[in-house]
Amino acid sequence: MLFNDFAKHLKYQLQQVLPGENEQLKMAPSLRKSSEYYLQQNSHPQKSSVLILLYEKNNCIHTLLTLRSTYKGVHSSQVSFPGGKIEEGESIVEAAFRETNEEVGVPETELELIGNLSSLFIPASNYIVNPVVARIINTPIFVRNEREVEQILEVSIHDLLDISKMSTKQLETSYAGLVEAPFYNFEEHHVWGATAMIISEFNAVINRFFYG
């Protein structure tokens, strides 16, 4: 499918009722409860955005993941989409675009919004994360922020949808020790937790127009 057609179909699907938490929870750790459950316990979560960036490379649509640098925090050395805290006065989209520019050097002016996925709560960091989907027409030249990003991972849509990339094992969490958790294996990196849950819903949306 051509990139323009893919983006058009995806934009339409993101305007429909989203798969939401039912799809997110398919890739959730075993102890994970619903976002509503956690929000009932905590009425003051912080807000953040992440960006699912789509672009063409080698005649195939790709997205971008980042391996975060090692630091004192619950998401240290984890693989995630670029993103971060929404600053005062920013929209969800503005924050996602700004953070992506800061982390991997993609110019905000070159990003074209496609839509949004369902938000989800991250208990370990007390954040509600809002996934934004956008594309860039030209293949980007990434400039890694060495303080924040250890490695850039470019994942094709084919790999994202490949069920052979999915598995389950015990993984170490900052809040409950070892837990049984599903994950995606991209370039020998285990992608799990909130990022895997976001990918799960994104894949479900894509599959609606491929197999609908």
N, C-alpha and C. Protein backbone atom coordinates (compact mmCIF):
# COMPACT_ATOMS: atom_id res chain seq x y z
N MET A 1 0.85 -1.19 0.00
CA MET A 1 0.00 0.00 0.00
C MET A 1 0.88 1.24 0.00
N LEU A 2 0.55 2.22 -0.85
CA LEU A 2 1.30 3.46 -0.90
C LEU A 2 1.15 4.24 0.39
N PHE A 3 2.18 5.03 0.73
CA PHE A 3 2.21 5.76 2.00
C PHE A 3 1.01 6.70 2.12
N ASN A 4 0.70 7.43 1.04
CA ASN A 4 -0.43 8.37 1.10
C ASN A 4 -1.75 7.64 1.36
N ASP A 5 -1.93 6.48 0.72
CA ASP A 5 -3.16 5.71 0.93
C ASP A 5 -3.21 5.16 2.36
N PHE A 6 -2.06 4.67 2.84
CA PHE A 6 -1.98 4.17 4.21
C PHE A 6 -2.37 5.26 5.21
N ALA A 7 -1.79 6.44 5.04
CA ALA A 7 -2.08 7.55 5.96
C ALA A 7 -3.55 7.96 5.89
N LYS A 8 -4.13 7.93 4.69
CA LYS A 8 -5.54 8.29 4.52
C LYS A 8 -6.44 7.30 5.24
N HIS A 9 -6.20 6.00 5.05
CA HIS A 9 -7.00 4.97 5.72
C HIS A 9 -6.83 5.04 7.23
N LEU A 10 -5.59 5.26 7.66
CA LEU A 10 -5.31 5.33 9.09
C LEU A 10 -6.02 6.52 9.73
N LYS A 11 -5.98 7.66 9.06
CA LYS A 11 -6.65 8.86 9.58
C LYS A 11 -8.14 8.62 9.75
N TYR A 12 -8.73 7.96 8.77
CA TYR A 12 -10.17 7.67 8.86
C TYR A 12 -10.46 6.76 10.05
N GLN A 13 -9.66 5.70 10.22
CA GLN A 13 -9.89 4.76 11.31
C GLN A 13 -9.70 5.41 12.68
N LEU A 14 -8.77 6.34 12.78
CA LEU A 14 -8.53 7.01 14.06
C LEU A 14 -9.65 7.98 14.42
N GLN A 15 -10.51 8.29 13.45
CA GLN A 15 -11.67 9.14 13.73
C GLN A 15 -12.89 8.33 14.15
N GLN A 16 -12.78 7.00 14.03
CA GLN A 16 -13.87 6.11 14.45
C GLN A 16 -13.69 5.76 15.94
N VAL A 17 -14.61 4.95 16.45
CA VAL A 17 -14.47 4.48 17.83
C VAL A 17 -13.21 3.63 17.92
N LEU A 18 -12.33 3.97 18.84
CA LEU A 18 -11.04 3.29 18.94
C LEU A 18 -11.17 1.96 19.68
N PRO A 19 -10.27 1.01 19.39
CA PRO A 19 -10.28 -0.28 20.11
C PRO A 19 -10.10 -0.10 21.62
N GLY A 20 -9.29 0.90 22.01
CA GLY A 20 -9.16 1.28 23.41
C GLY A 20 -8.50 0.25 24.30
N GLU A 21 -8.95 0.24 25.55
CA GLU A 21 -8.27 -0.53 26.59
C GLU A 21 -8.34 -2.04 26.35
N ASN A 22 -9.38 -2.51 25.67
CA ASN A 22 -9.46 -3.95 25.39
C ASN A 22 -8.23 -4.43 24.63
N GLU A 23 -7.77 -3.63 23.68
CA GLU A 23 -6.56 -3.98 22.91
C GLU A 23 -5.30 -3.68 23.70
N GLN A 24 -5.30 -2.59 24.44
CA GLN A 24 -4.13 -2.24 25.25
C GLN A 24 -3.79 -3.37 26.23
N LEU A 25 -4.80 -3.90 26.89
CA LEU A 25 -4.58 -4.88 27.95
C LEU A 25 -4.07 -6.22 27.43
N LYS A 26 -4.19 -6.45 26.12
CA LYS A 26 -3.65 -7.69 25.55
C LYS A 26 -2.13 -7.76 25.69
N MET A 27 -1.49 -6.59 25.82
CA MET A 27 -0.03 -6.56 25.97
C MET A 27 0.37 -5.99 27.33
N ALA A 28 -0.50 -6.11 28.30
CA ALA A 28 -0.23 -5.57 29.64
C ALA A 28 0.40 -6.63 30.53
N PRO A 29 1.28 -6.23 31.47
CA PRO A 29 1.80 -7.16 32.48
C PRO A 29 0.67 -7.81 33.26
N SER A 30 0.93 -8.97 33.81
CA SER A 30 -0.12 -9.77 34.45
C SER A 30 -0.81 -9.06 35.60
N LEU A 31 -0.10 -8.19 36.32
CA LEU A 31 -0.69 -7.50 37.48
C LEU A 31 -1.41 -6.21 37.11
N ARG A 32 -1.35 -5.84 35.84
CA ARG A 32 -1.93 -4.57 35.39
C ARG A 32 -3.45 -4.56 35.53
N LYS A 33 -3.99 -3.47 36.09
CA LYS A 33 -5.43 -3.26 36.16
C LYS A 33 -5.82 -2.17 35.17
N SER A 34 -7.08 -1.84 35.12
CA SER A 34 -7.56 -0.83 34.17
C SER A 34 -7.09 0.56 34.57
N SER A 35 -7.00 1.45 33.60
CA SER A 35 -6.64 2.84 33.90
C SER A 35 -7.64 3.47 34.85
N GLU A 36 -8.92 3.13 34.68
CA GLU A 36 -9.96 3.68 35.56
C GLU A 36 -9.70 3.29 37.01
N TYR A 37 -9.26 2.06 37.24
CA TYR A 37 -8.97 1.61 38.60
C TYR A 37 -7.89 2.49 39.23
N TYR A 38 -6.80 2.71 38.50
CA TYR A 38 -5.70 3.50 39.06
C TYR A 38 -6.10 4.96 39.27
N LEU A 39 -6.89 5.48 38.36
CA LEU A 39 -7.28 6.89 38.48
C LEU A 39 -8.25 7.10 39.64
N GLN A 40 -8.96 6.07 40.03
CA GLN A 40 -9.82 6.18 41.21
C GLN A 40 -8.99 6.28 42.49
N GLN A 41 -7.77 5.74 42.44
CA GLN A 41 -6.88 5.80 43.60
C GLN A 41 -6.08 7.10 43.63
N ASN A 42 -5.97 7.76 42.48
CA ASN A 42 -5.11 8.94 42.37
C ASN A 42 -5.78 9.96 41.46
N SER A 43 -6.19 11.07 42.02
CA SER A 43 -6.93 12.07 41.24
C SER A 43 -6.03 13.16 40.67
N HIS A 44 -4.71 13.04 40.85
CA HIS A 44 -3.81 14.10 40.38
C HIS A 44 -2.67 13.54 39.52
N PRO A 45 -3.00 12.80 38.46
CA PRO A 45 -1.92 12.31 37.60
C PRO A 45 -1.35 13.44 36.74
N GLN A 46 -0.11 13.27 36.33
CA GLN A 46 0.50 14.20 35.39
C GLN A 46 0.18 13.74 33.97
N LYS A 47 0.34 14.66 33.01
CA LYS A 47 -0.03 14.34 31.63
C LYS A 47 1.20 14.38 30.72
N SER A 48 1.24 13.44 29.79
CA SER A 48 2.35 13.39 28.84
C SER A 48 1.83 12.97 27.47
N SER A 49 2.67 13.15 26.47
CA SER A 49 2.37 12.74 25.10
C SER A 49 3.52 11.93 24.55
N VAL A 50 3.21 10.99 23.67
CA VAL A 50 4.24 10.32 22.88
C VAL A 50 3.82 10.38 21.42
N LEU A 51 4.80 10.21 20.54
CA LEU A 51 4.52 10.31 19.10
C LEU A 51 4.84 9.00 18.40
N ILE A 52 3.85 8.48 17.68
CA ILE A 52 4.08 7.40 16.72
C ILE A 52 4.34 8.09 15.38
N LEU A 53 5.60 8.17 15.02
CA LEU A 53 6.02 8.86 13.80
C LEU A 53 6.09 7.86 12.65
N LEU A 54 5.42 8.16 11.56
CA LEU A 54 5.41 7.29 10.39
C LEU A 54 6.16 7.95 9.25
N TYR A 55 6.97 7.17 8.56
CA TYR A 55 7.74 7.68 7.42
C TYR A 55 8.14 6.52 6.52
N GLU A 56 8.52 6.85 5.30
CA GLU A 56 8.95 5.83 4.35
C GLU A 56 10.46 5.69 4.35
N LYS A 57 10.91 4.44 4.31
CA LYS A 57 12.34 4.15 4.18
C LYS A 57 12.49 2.84 3.44
N ASN A 58 13.30 2.84 2.39
CA ASN A 58 13.51 1.64 1.57
C ASN A 58 12.18 1.06 1.08
N ASN A 59 11.29 1.97 0.65
CA ASN A 59 9.98 1.59 0.09
C ASN A 59 9.09 0.86 1.10
N CYS A 60 9.30 1.11 2.36
CA CYS A 60 8.48 0.49 3.41
C CYS A 60 8.18 1.54 4.48
N ILE A 61 6.98 1.48 5.02
CA ILE A 61 6.58 2.42 6.08
C ILE A 61 7.22 1.97 7.40
N HIS A 62 7.80 2.94 8.09
CA HIS A 62 8.47 2.66 9.37
C HIS A 62 7.91 3.56 10.47
N THR A 63 8.20 3.17 11.70
CA THR A 63 8.00 4.04 12.85
C THR A 63 9.27 4.03 13.69
N LEU A 64 9.28 4.88 14.68
CA LEU A 64 10.50 5.14 15.46
C LEU A 64 10.28 4.80 16.93
N LEU A 65 11.23 4.05 17.49
CA LEU A 65 11.29 3.82 18.94
C LEU A 65 12.66 4.28 19.43
N THR A 66 12.72 4.64 20.70
CA THR A 66 14.00 5.07 21.27
C THR A 66 14.32 4.25 22.51
N LEU A 67 15.59 3.89 22.64
CA LEU A 67 16.08 3.29 23.88
C LEU A 67 16.54 4.42 24.77
N ARG A 68 15.87 4.58 25.88
CA ARG A 68 16.18 5.71 26.77
C ARG A 68 17.52 5.50 27.48
N SER A 69 18.18 6.61 27.74
CA SER A 69 19.46 6.55 28.46
C SER A 69 19.24 6.07 29.88
N THR A 70 20.32 5.64 30.51
CA THR A 70 20.26 5.20 31.91
C THR A 70 20.24 6.41 32.84
N TYR A 71 19.27 6.46 33.72
CA TYR A 71 19.15 7.57 34.66
C TYR A 71 18.37 7.09 35.88
N LYS A 72 18.26 7.93 36.90
CA LYS A 72 17.53 7.56 38.09
C LYS A 72 16.04 7.82 37.86
N GLY A 73 15.35 6.83 37.38
CA GLY A 73 13.92 6.97 37.10
C GLY A 73 13.33 5.63 36.70
N VAL A 74 12.00 5.53 36.74
CA VAL A 74 11.33 4.25 36.52
C VAL A 74 11.40 3.80 35.06
N HIS A 75 11.66 4.71 34.12
CA HIS A 75 11.70 4.34 32.71
C HIS A 75 13.12 4.32 32.15
N SER A 76 14.11 4.31 33.04
CA SER A 76 15.50 4.25 32.62
C SER A 76 15.77 3.01 31.78
N SER A 77 16.49 3.19 30.67
CA SER A 77 16.94 2.09 29.79
C SER A 77 15.78 1.30 29.18
N GLN A 78 14.60 1.89 29.10
CA GLN A 78 13.47 1.22 28.47
C GLN A 78 13.29 1.73 27.04
N VAL A 79 12.63 0.93 26.23
CA VAL A 79 12.31 1.32 24.86
C VAL A 79 10.93 1.95 24.84
N SER A 80 10.82 3.10 24.19
CA SER A 80 9.54 3.81 24.16
C SER A 80 9.46 4.65 22.90
N PHE A 81 8.28 5.20 22.66
CA PHE A 81 8.12 6.21 21.63
C PHE A 81 8.69 7.53 22.16
N PRO A 82 9.18 8.40 21.27
CA PRO A 82 9.62 9.71 21.77
C PRO A 82 8.45 10.46 22.39
N GLY A 83 8.74 11.19 23.46
CA GLY A 83 7.67 11.93 24.12
C GLY A 83 8.05 12.33 25.52
N GLY A 84 7.12 12.98 26.20
CA GLY A 84 7.39 13.44 27.56
C GLY A 84 6.26 14.27 28.10
N LYS A 85 6.55 14.97 29.17
CA LYS A 85 5.55 15.76 29.90
C LYS A 85 4.98 16.88 29.05
N ILE A 86 3.68 17.09 29.19
CA ILE A 86 3.01 18.22 28.54
C ILE A 86 3.23 19.47 29.40
N GLU A 87 3.86 20.46 28.82
CA GLU A 87 4.14 21.69 29.56
C GLU A 87 2.89 22.56 29.62
N GLU A 88 2.89 23.50 30.56
CA GLU A 88 1.75 24.40 30.73
C GLU A 88 1.49 25.17 29.44
N GLY A 89 0.23 25.16 29.01
CA GLY A 89 -0.15 25.89 27.81
C GLY A 89 -0.03 25.09 26.52
N GLU A 90 0.56 23.89 26.60
CA GLU A 90 0.72 23.05 25.42
C GLU A 90 -0.48 22.14 25.22
N SER A 91 -0.75 21.83 23.96
CA SER A 91 -1.72 20.78 23.64
C SER A 91 -1.00 19.44 23.62
N ILE A 92 -1.78 18.37 23.57
CA ILE A 92 -1.22 17.02 23.47
C ILE A 92 -0.32 16.91 22.25
N VAL A 93 -0.79 17.43 21.12
CA VAL A 93 -0.04 17.33 19.86
C VAL A 93 1.22 18.18 19.92
N GLU A 94 1.11 19.39 20.42
CA GLU A 94 2.29 20.27 20.51
C GLU A 94 3.39 19.64 21.36
N ALA A 95 3.01 19.02 22.46
CA ALA A 95 3.99 18.39 23.34
C ALA A 95 4.67 17.21 22.64
N ALA A 96 3.89 16.39 21.95
CA ALA A 96 4.46 15.23 21.24
C ALA A 96 5.43 15.68 20.16
N PHE A 97 5.06 16.71 19.41
CA PHE A 97 5.94 17.22 18.34
C PHE A 97 7.21 17.83 18.93
N ARG A 98 7.07 18.61 20.00
CA ARG A 98 8.23 19.26 20.62
C ARG A 98 9.20 18.22 21.17
N GLU A 99 8.67 17.25 21.90
CA GLU A 99 9.53 16.23 22.50
C GLU A 99 10.26 15.41 21.43
N THR A 100 9.59 15.13 20.34
CA THR A 100 10.23 14.39 19.25
C THR A 100 11.36 15.19 18.63
N ASN A 101 11.13 16.48 18.48
CA ASN A 101 12.20 17.36 17.98
C ASN A 101 13.38 17.38 18.94
N GLU A 102 13.11 17.46 20.23
CA GLU A 102 14.18 17.54 21.22
C GLU A 102 14.96 16.22 21.32
N GLU A 103 14.29 15.10 21.15
CA GLU A 103 14.93 13.80 21.35
C GLU A 103 15.65 13.28 20.12
N VAL A 104 15.04 13.49 18.94
CA VAL A 104 15.64 12.89 17.73
C VAL A 104 15.79 13.88 16.57
N GLY A 105 15.51 15.17 16.82
CA GLY A 105 15.82 16.20 15.84
C GLY A 105 14.88 16.34 14.67
N VAL A 106 13.67 15.76 14.74
CA VAL A 106 12.72 15.91 13.64
C VAL A 106 12.06 17.29 13.73
N PRO A 107 12.14 18.12 12.67
CA PRO A 107 11.53 19.46 12.72
C PRO A 107 10.02 19.39 12.91
N GLU A 108 9.51 20.13 13.85
CA GLU A 108 8.08 20.12 14.14
C GLU A 108 7.25 20.56 12.94
N THR A 109 7.79 21.49 12.15
CA THR A 109 7.06 22.03 11.00
C THR A 109 6.87 21.01 9.89
N GLU A 110 7.64 19.92 9.92
CA GLU A 110 7.54 18.90 8.87
C GLU A 110 6.59 17.77 9.24
N LEU A 111 6.03 17.82 10.45
CA LEU A 111 5.15 16.76 10.93
C LEU A 111 3.70 17.05 10.55
N GLU A 112 3.02 16.03 10.08
CA GLU A 112 1.61 16.15 9.68
C GLU A 112 0.78 15.24 10.58
N LEU A 113 -0.13 15.83 11.34
CA LEU A 113 -0.96 15.07 12.27
C LEU A 113 -1.89 14.12 11.52
N ILE A 114 -1.97 12.87 12.00
CA ILE A 114 -2.92 11.89 11.46
C ILE A 114 -4.05 11.65 12.45
N GLY A 115 -3.73 11.57 13.73
CA GLY A 115 -4.78 11.35 14.72
C GLY A 115 -4.21 10.96 16.08
N ASN A 116 -5.08 10.48 16.94
CA ASN A 116 -4.70 10.10 18.31
C ASN A 116 -5.22 8.71 18.64
N LEU A 117 -4.50 8.01 19.50
CA LEU A 117 -4.96 6.75 20.06
C LEU A 117 -5.51 7.00 21.47
N SER A 118 -5.97 5.95 22.12
CA SER A 118 -6.53 6.08 23.46
C SER A 118 -5.42 6.35 24.48
N SER A 119 -5.74 7.19 25.44
CA SER A 119 -4.79 7.45 26.52
C SER A 119 -4.74 6.26 27.46
N LEU A 120 -3.66 6.17 28.24
CA LEU A 120 -3.59 5.16 29.28
C LEU A 120 -2.76 5.67 30.45
N PHE A 121 -3.04 5.12 31.62
CA PHE A 121 -2.36 5.55 32.83
C PHE A 121 -1.17 4.63 33.10
N ILE A 122 -0.04 5.25 33.51
CA ILE A 122 1.15 4.48 33.85
C ILE A 122 1.35 4.56 35.37
N PRO A 123 1.04 3.50 36.10
CA PRO A 123 1.10 3.56 37.57
C PRO A 123 2.50 3.86 38.10
N ALA A 124 3.53 3.33 37.46
CA ALA A 124 4.89 3.46 38.00
C ALA A 124 5.35 4.91 38.07
N SER A 125 4.88 5.74 37.12
CA SER A 125 5.32 7.13 37.07
C SER A 125 4.21 8.14 37.33
N ASN A 126 2.97 7.65 37.53
CA ASN A 126 1.83 8.51 37.80
C ASN A 126 1.56 9.47 36.63
N TYR A 127 1.64 8.95 35.42
CA TYR A 127 1.37 9.75 34.22
C TYR A 127 0.22 9.15 33.42
N ILE A 128 -0.61 10.03 32.85
CA ILE A 128 -1.50 9.64 31.77
C ILE A 128 -0.77 9.96 30.48
N VAL A 129 -0.56 8.93 29.64
CA VAL A 129 0.15 9.15 28.39
C VAL A 129 -0.86 9.20 27.24
N ASN A 130 -0.67 10.16 26.35
CA ASN A 130 -1.57 10.38 25.22
C ASN A 130 -0.81 10.12 23.92
N PRO A 131 -1.08 9.02 23.22
CA PRO A 131 -0.36 8.72 21.98
C PRO A 131 -0.90 9.52 20.79
N VAL A 132 0.01 10.19 20.10
CA VAL A 132 -0.30 10.97 18.91
C VAL A 132 0.32 10.26 17.71
N VAL A 133 -0.39 10.24 16.58
CA VAL A 133 0.12 9.63 15.36
C VAL A 133 0.33 10.73 14.32
N ALA A 134 1.51 10.76 13.72
CA ALA A 134 1.81 11.77 12.70
C ALA A 134 2.74 11.15 11.66
N ARG A 135 2.88 11.84 10.54
CA ARG A 135 3.80 11.36 9.51
C ARG A 135 4.70 12.49 9.05
N ILE A 136 5.77 12.10 8.41
CA ILE A 136 6.67 13.05 7.77
C ILE A 136 6.89 12.54 6.35
N ILE A 137 6.78 13.42 5.37
CA ILE A 137 6.80 13.01 3.97
C ILE A 137 8.17 12.48 3.56
N ASN A 138 9.21 13.23 3.88
CA ASN A 138 10.56 12.83 3.50
C ASN A 138 11.17 11.94 4.58
N THR A 139 12.00 11.00 4.17
CA THR A 139 12.69 10.14 5.14
C THR A 139 13.53 11.02 6.06
N PRO A 140 13.27 10.98 7.36
CA PRO A 140 13.97 11.89 8.28
C PRO A 140 15.43 11.49 8.52
N ILE A 141 16.23 12.49 8.80
CA ILE A 141 17.60 12.27 9.26
C ILE A 141 17.60 12.55 10.75
N PHE A 142 17.73 11.52 11.55
CA PHE A 142 17.60 11.67 12.98
C PHE A 142 18.89 12.19 13.60
N VAL A 143 18.72 13.09 14.56
CA VAL A 143 19.84 13.61 15.34
C VAL A 143 19.54 13.27 16.80
N ARG A 144 20.24 12.28 17.31
CA ARG A 144 19.95 11.75 18.64
C ARG A 144 20.42 12.70 19.74
N ASN A 145 19.51 12.98 20.69
CA ASN A 145 19.87 13.71 21.89
C ASN A 145 20.59 12.74 22.82
N GLU A 146 21.90 12.84 22.90
CA GLU A 146 22.69 11.84 23.61
C GLU A 146 22.39 11.79 25.10
N ARG A 147 21.88 12.86 25.66
CA ARG A 147 21.55 12.87 27.09
C ARG A 147 20.30 12.05 27.38
N GLU A 148 19.36 12.02 26.42
CA GLU A 148 18.08 11.36 26.65
C GLU A 148 17.94 10.02 25.93
N VAL A 149 18.62 9.88 24.79
CA VAL A 149 18.39 8.71 23.94
C VAL A 149 19.70 7.94 23.75
N GLU A 150 19.67 6.67 24.13
CA GLU A 150 20.84 5.80 23.97
C GLU A 150 20.93 5.25 22.55
N GLN A 151 19.76 4.91 21.97
CA GLN A 151 19.75 4.29 20.65
C GLN A 151 18.41 4.57 19.97
N ILE A 152 18.45 4.74 18.66
CA ILE A 152 17.24 4.89 17.85
C ILE A 152 16.94 3.57 17.16
N LEU A 153 15.70 3.12 17.28
CA LEU A 153 15.26 1.87 16.65
C LEU A 153 14.23 2.20 15.58
N GLU A 154 14.51 1.81 14.35
CA GLU A 154 13.57 2.02 13.25
C GLU A 154 12.89 0.69 12.95
N VAL A 155 11.57 0.67 13.13
CA VAL A 155 10.80 -0.57 13.02
C VAL A 155 9.80 -0.44 11.87
N SER A 156 9.83 -1.39 10.95
CA SER A 156 8.88 -1.36 9.84
C SER A 156 7.49 -1.74 10.32
N ILE A 157 6.48 -1.29 9.61
CA ILE A 157 5.11 -1.67 9.94
C ILE A 157 4.94 -3.18 9.84
N HIS A 158 5.63 -3.81 8.89
CA HIS A 158 5.56 -5.27 8.77
C HIS A 158 6.03 -5.94 10.05
N ASP A 159 7.13 -5.47 10.63
CA ASP A 159 7.62 -6.03 11.88
C ASP A 159 6.69 -5.72 13.04
N LEU A 160 6.12 -4.51 13.01
CA LEU A 160 5.20 -4.12 14.08
C LEU A 160 3.99 -5.06 14.14
N LEU A 161 3.52 -5.50 12.96
CA LEU A 161 2.34 -6.36 12.87
C LEU A 161 2.67 -7.85 12.95
N ASP A 162 3.94 -8.18 12.94
CA ASP A 162 4.37 -9.58 12.89
C ASP A 162 4.19 -10.26 14.25
N ILE A 163 3.24 -11.19 14.33
CA ILE A 163 2.95 -11.81 15.62
C ILE A 163 4.10 -12.68 16.12
N SER A 164 5.01 -13.05 15.23
CA SER A 164 6.17 -13.83 15.68
C SER A 164 7.13 -12.99 16.52
N LYS A 165 6.93 -11.66 16.50
CA LYS A 165 7.75 -10.76 17.32
C LYS A 165 7.24 -10.68 18.76
N MET A 166 6.10 -11.33 19.02
CA MET A 166 5.49 -11.27 20.35
C MET A 166 5.86 -12.49 21.17
N SER A 167 6.09 -12.29 22.47
CA SER A 167 6.36 -13.39 23.37
C SER A 167 6.01 -12.95 24.79
N THR A 168 6.25 -13.82 25.76
CA THR A 168 5.96 -13.52 27.16
C THR A 168 7.09 -14.06 28.04
N LYS A 169 7.46 -13.31 29.05
CA LYS A 169 8.46 -13.78 30.01
C LYS A 169 8.33 -12.97 31.30
N GLN A 170 9.08 -13.34 32.30
CA GLN A 170 9.11 -12.55 33.53
C GLN A 170 10.07 -11.38 33.34
N LEU A 171 9.57 -10.19 33.64
CA LEU A 171 10.37 -8.98 33.47
C LEU A 171 10.38 -8.21 34.80
N GLU A 172 11.46 -7.48 35.02
CA GLU A 172 11.63 -6.73 36.27
C GLU A 172 10.90 -5.40 36.19
N THR A 173 10.05 -5.13 37.19
CA THR A 173 9.37 -3.84 37.28
C THR A 173 9.89 -3.07 38.48
N SER A 174 9.69 -1.76 38.45
CA SER A 174 10.14 -0.91 39.55
C SER A 174 9.13 -0.90 40.70
N TYR A 175 7.93 -1.44 40.44
CA TYR A 175 6.87 -1.33 41.43
C TYR A 175 6.39 -2.67 41.98
N ALA A 176 6.74 -3.79 41.29
CA ALA A 176 6.23 -5.09 41.78
C ALA A 176 7.23 -6.22 41.59
N GLY A 177 8.49 -5.88 41.41
CA GLY A 177 9.48 -6.94 41.20
C GLY A 177 9.27 -7.64 39.88
N LEU A 178 9.49 -8.96 39.86
CA LEU A 178 9.30 -9.73 38.64
C LEU A 178 7.82 -9.98 38.38
N VAL A 179 7.38 -9.71 37.15
CA VAL A 179 6.00 -10.00 36.76
C VAL A 179 6.01 -10.67 35.39
N GLU A 180 4.99 -11.48 35.14
CA GLU A 180 4.82 -12.08 33.83
C GLU A 180 4.29 -11.00 32.89
N ALA A 181 4.97 -10.79 31.77
CA ALA A 181 4.59 -9.70 30.89
C ALA A 181 4.80 -10.07 29.43
N PRO A 182 3.83 -9.76 28.56
CA PRO A 182 4.04 -9.93 27.13
C PRO A 182 4.95 -8.82 26.61
N PHE A 183 5.66 -9.09 25.53
CA PHE A 183 6.55 -8.07 24.96
C PHE A 183 6.71 -8.29 23.47
N TYR A 184 7.16 -7.24 22.78
CA TYR A 184 7.58 -7.33 21.38
C TYR A 184 9.10 -7.36 21.36
N ASN A 185 9.66 -8.16 20.46
CA ASN A 185 11.10 -8.25 20.32
C ASN A 185 11.53 -7.56 19.03
N PHE A 186 12.08 -6.36 19.15
CA PHE A 186 12.56 -5.60 18.00
C PHE A 186 14.06 -5.37 18.17
N GLU A 187 14.84 -5.85 17.23
CA GLU A 187 16.30 -5.69 17.26
C GLU A 187 16.87 -6.15 18.60
N GLU A 188 16.35 -7.27 19.09
CA GLU A 188 16.79 -7.89 20.36
C GLU A 188 16.46 -7.04 21.59
N HIS A 189 15.61 -6.06 21.43
CA HIS A 189 15.14 -5.27 22.57
C HIS A 189 13.73 -5.71 22.93
N HIS A 190 13.46 -5.87 24.23
CA HIS A 190 12.14 -6.22 24.70
C HIS A 190 11.32 -4.94 24.91
N VAL A 191 10.26 -4.82 24.14
CA VAL A 191 9.38 -3.64 24.23
C VAL A 191 8.12 -4.08 24.96
N TRP A 192 7.91 -3.56 26.15
CA TRP A 192 6.80 -4.02 26.98
C TRP A 192 6.18 -2.86 27.73
N GLY A 193 5.24 -3.17 28.63
CA GLY A 193 4.60 -2.13 29.42
C GLY A 193 3.75 -1.21 28.57
N ALA A 194 3.75 0.08 28.92
CA ALA A 194 2.88 1.05 28.25
C ALA A 194 3.14 1.12 26.74
N THR A 195 4.42 1.03 26.34
CA THR A 195 4.73 1.12 24.92
C THR A 195 4.14 -0.05 24.15
N ALA A 196 4.25 -1.25 24.69
CA ALA A 196 3.65 -2.43 24.06
C ALA A 196 2.13 -2.30 24.01
N MET A 197 1.53 -1.74 25.04
CA MET A 197 0.08 -1.56 25.08
C MET A 197 -0.37 -0.57 24.01
N ILE A 198 0.41 0.48 23.79
CA ILE A 198 0.10 1.44 22.73
C ILE A 198 0.22 0.78 21.36
N ILE A 199 1.29 0.01 21.16
CA ILE A 199 1.49 -0.69 19.88
C ILE A 199 0.33 -1.65 19.62
N SER A 200 -0.14 -2.33 20.65
CA SER A 200 -1.24 -3.27 20.50
C SER A 200 -2.49 -2.59 19.95
N GLU A 201 -2.83 -1.43 20.49
CA GLU A 201 -4.00 -0.72 19.98
C GLU A 201 -3.74 -0.19 18.57
N PHE A 202 -2.54 0.31 18.32
CA PHE A 202 -2.19 0.82 17.00
C PHE A 202 -2.31 -0.30 15.95
N ASN A 203 -1.80 -1.47 16.27
CA ASN A 203 -1.89 -2.60 15.36
C ASN A 203 -3.35 -2.98 15.07
N ALA A 204 -4.19 -2.92 16.10
CA ALA A 204 -5.61 -3.24 15.93
C ALA A 204 -6.28 -2.27 14.97
N VAL A 205 -5.91 -0.99 15.06
CA VAL A 205 -6.46 0.01 14.15
C VAL A 205 -6.01 -0.27 12.71
N ILE A 206 -4.75 -0.58 12.52
CA ILE A 206 -4.23 -0.89 11.20
C ILE A 206 -4.93 -2.13 10.63
N ASN A 207 -5.08 -3.14 11.45
CA ASN A 207 -5.72 -4.38 10.99
C ASN A 207 -7.17 -4.19 10.57
N ARG A 208 -7.82 -3.15 11.09
CA ARG A 208 -9.20 -2.89 10.70
C ARG A 208 -9.32 -2.56 9.23
N PHE A 209 -8.33 -1.79 8.68
CA PHE A 209 -8.46 -1.49 7.26
C PHE A 209 -7.72 -2.48 6.37
N PHE A 210 -6.84 -3.29 6.94
CA PHE A 210 -6.25 -4.37 6.16
C PHE A 210 -7.19 -5.57 6.05
N TYR A 211 -7.86 -5.89 7.19
CA TYR A 211 -8.64 -7.11 7.25
C TYR A 211 -10.10 -6.88 7.59
N GLY A 212 -10.43 -5.61 7.99
CA GLY A 212 -11.71 -5.14 8.42
C GLY A 212 -12.89 -5.93 8.24
